[in-house]
Amino acid sequence: MPYVVTDACIRCKYMDCVEVCPVDCFYEGKNMLVINPDECIDCGVCEPECPAEAIVSDSDPRAEKWADVNRDFAGKWPNITHKGTVPADADAWKGKEGKGDQFNEESGEGH
């Protein structure tokens, strides 16, 4: 079961998860990351690294709404393999509920 990035990542995008992923399955959007479920090997090392607690197993109920977003946008956004610059206001957004309306479909830069 692959892991899924949920809306808890939106506007936080800490990227600590990217540094530990052994298969580089993260893709970068303008204000969040996603995991390519076809590349994820279900190792789980990314989940505890996320300060925003935005990464969950696809069997977690929180993943349901975001699994398709991860799949769809992993095919559109650039791969990211190194931690980039964290948004200046990431800590202000950390822990906020219901950030789905802040989702931005634009791609990030990738690294």
Protein backbone atom coordinates (compact mmCIF):
# COMPACT_ATOMS: atom_id res chain seq x y z
CA MET A 1 0.00 0.00 0.00
CA PRO A 2 1.62 3.26 -1.10
CA TYR A 3 1.73 6.37 0.98
CA VAL A 4 -0.29 9.49 0.19
CA VAL A 5 0.37 13.18 0.83
CA THR A 6 -2.76 14.85 2.21
CA ASP A 7 -3.91 18.46 2.37
CA ALA A 8 -1.90 18.91 5.58
CA CYS A 9 1.08 19.53 3.26
CA ILE A 10 -0.56 22.46 1.49
CA ARG A 11 1.28 25.73 2.16
CA CYS A 12 3.74 23.91 4.48
CA LYS A 13 5.81 21.87 2.01
CA TYR A 14 8.65 21.17 4.44
CA MET A 15 10.25 18.56 2.13
CA ASP A 16 11.99 16.56 4.90
CA CYS A 17 10.31 13.49 3.37
CA VAL A 18 12.14 13.98 0.08
CA GLU A 19 15.52 13.64 1.76
CA VAL A 20 14.80 10.13 3.09
CA CYS A 21 12.90 8.60 0.16
CA PRO A 22 15.03 5.76 -1.28
CA VAL A 23 13.18 5.73 -4.62
CA ASP A 24 12.64 9.47 -5.26
CA CYS A 25 8.87 9.16 -5.68
CA PHE A 26 7.97 12.72 -4.64
CA TYR A 27 6.75 15.34 -7.10
CA GLU A 28 6.55 19.07 -6.45
CA GLY A 29 3.62 21.37 -6.92
CA LYS A 30 3.53 25.08 -6.24
CA ASN A 31 2.34 24.63 -2.65
CA MET A 32 2.49 20.90 -1.83
CA LEU A 33 4.17 17.63 -2.70
CA VAL A 34 2.63 14.37 -3.94
CA ILE A 35 3.79 10.76 -4.05
CA ASN A 36 3.68 8.69 -7.22
CA PRO A 37 1.88 5.52 -6.03
CA ASP A 38 3.43 3.46 -8.84
CA GLU A 39 6.94 4.33 -7.62
CA CYS A 40 6.35 4.20 -3.85
CA ILE A 41 7.74 0.98 -2.36
CA ASP A 42 5.76 1.31 0.86
CA CYS A 43 8.83 1.54 3.06
CA GLY A 44 7.25 4.20 5.26
CA VAL A 45 10.42 6.15 6.02
CA CYS A 46 8.83 9.38 4.81
CA GLU A 47 5.84 9.32 7.17
CA PRO A 48 7.64 10.11 10.46
CA GLU A 49 9.84 12.73 8.77
CA CYS A 50 6.93 15.03 7.89
CA PRO A 51 6.64 17.86 10.45
CA ALA A 52 3.09 18.57 9.24
CA GLU A 53 2.02 14.91 9.58
CA ALA A 54 0.74 15.10 6.01
CA ILE A 55 1.84 11.63 4.87
CA VAL A 56 -0.40 8.64 5.54
CA SER A 57 -0.81 5.09 4.29
CA ASP A 58 -3.38 4.74 1.52
CA SER A 59 -5.45 2.60 3.90
CA ASP A 60 -5.88 5.59 6.26
CA PRO A 61 -9.28 7.30 5.84
CA ARG A 62 -7.51 10.67 5.44
CA ALA A 63 -5.89 9.36 2.24
CA GLU A 64 -9.13 8.67 0.42
CA LYS A 65 -9.69 12.16 -0.96
CA TRP A 66 -6.02 12.75 -1.77
CA ALA A 67 -4.97 9.43 -3.37
CA ASP A 68 -6.25 10.48 -6.80
CA VAL A 69 -4.64 13.92 -6.44
CA ASN A 70 -1.30 12.22 -5.73
CA ARG A 71 -1.65 9.90 -8.74
CA ASP A 72 -2.82 12.63 -11.12
CA PHE A 73 -0.31 15.32 -10.22
CA ALA A 74 2.67 12.97 -9.94
CA GLY A 75 2.23 12.65 -13.70
CA LYS A 76 2.17 16.43 -14.22
CA TRP A 77 4.62 17.90 -11.74
CA PRO A 78 8.45 17.63 -11.72
CA ASN A 79 10.24 15.07 -9.61
CA ILE A 80 11.94 16.40 -6.49
CA THR A 81 14.93 14.60 -4.97
CA HIS A 82 16.42 17.24 -2.66
CA LYS A 83 14.93 19.48 -0.04
CA GLY A 84 14.36 22.97 -1.35
CA THR A 85 13.52 26.22 0.37
CA VAL A 86 10.60 25.85 2.76
CA PRO A 87 7.90 28.52 2.40
CA ALA A 88 8.50 31.42 4.79
CA ASP A 89 5.01 31.04 6.29
CA ALA A 90 5.07 27.22 6.55
CA ASP A 91 4.93 27.20 10.34
CA ALA A 92 1.88 29.49 10.30
CA TRP A 93 0.03 26.94 8.11
CA LYS A 94 1.22 23.83 9.97
CA GLY A 95 -1.63 22.09 11.76
CA LYS A 96 -4.43 24.08 10.12
CA GLU A 97 -7.42 21.95 9.17
CA GLY A 98 -9.21 21.94 5.83
CA LYS A 99 -6.55 23.44 3.61
CA GLY A 100 -7.92 21.70 0.51
CA ASP A 101 -9.30 24.95 -0.87
CA GLN A 102 -5.71 26.30 -0.90
CA PHE A 103 -4.57 23.56 -3.33
CA ASN A 104 -2.73 24.99 -6.34
CA GLU A 105 -2.50 22.90 -9.52
CA GLU A 106 0.59 24.75 -10.77
CA SER A 107 3.83 22.81 -10.80
CA GLY A 108 6.78 23.54 -8.59
CA GLU A 109 10.39 23.78 -9.70
CA GLY A 110 11.60 20.28 -8.85
CA HIS A 111 15.17 19.71 -7.67
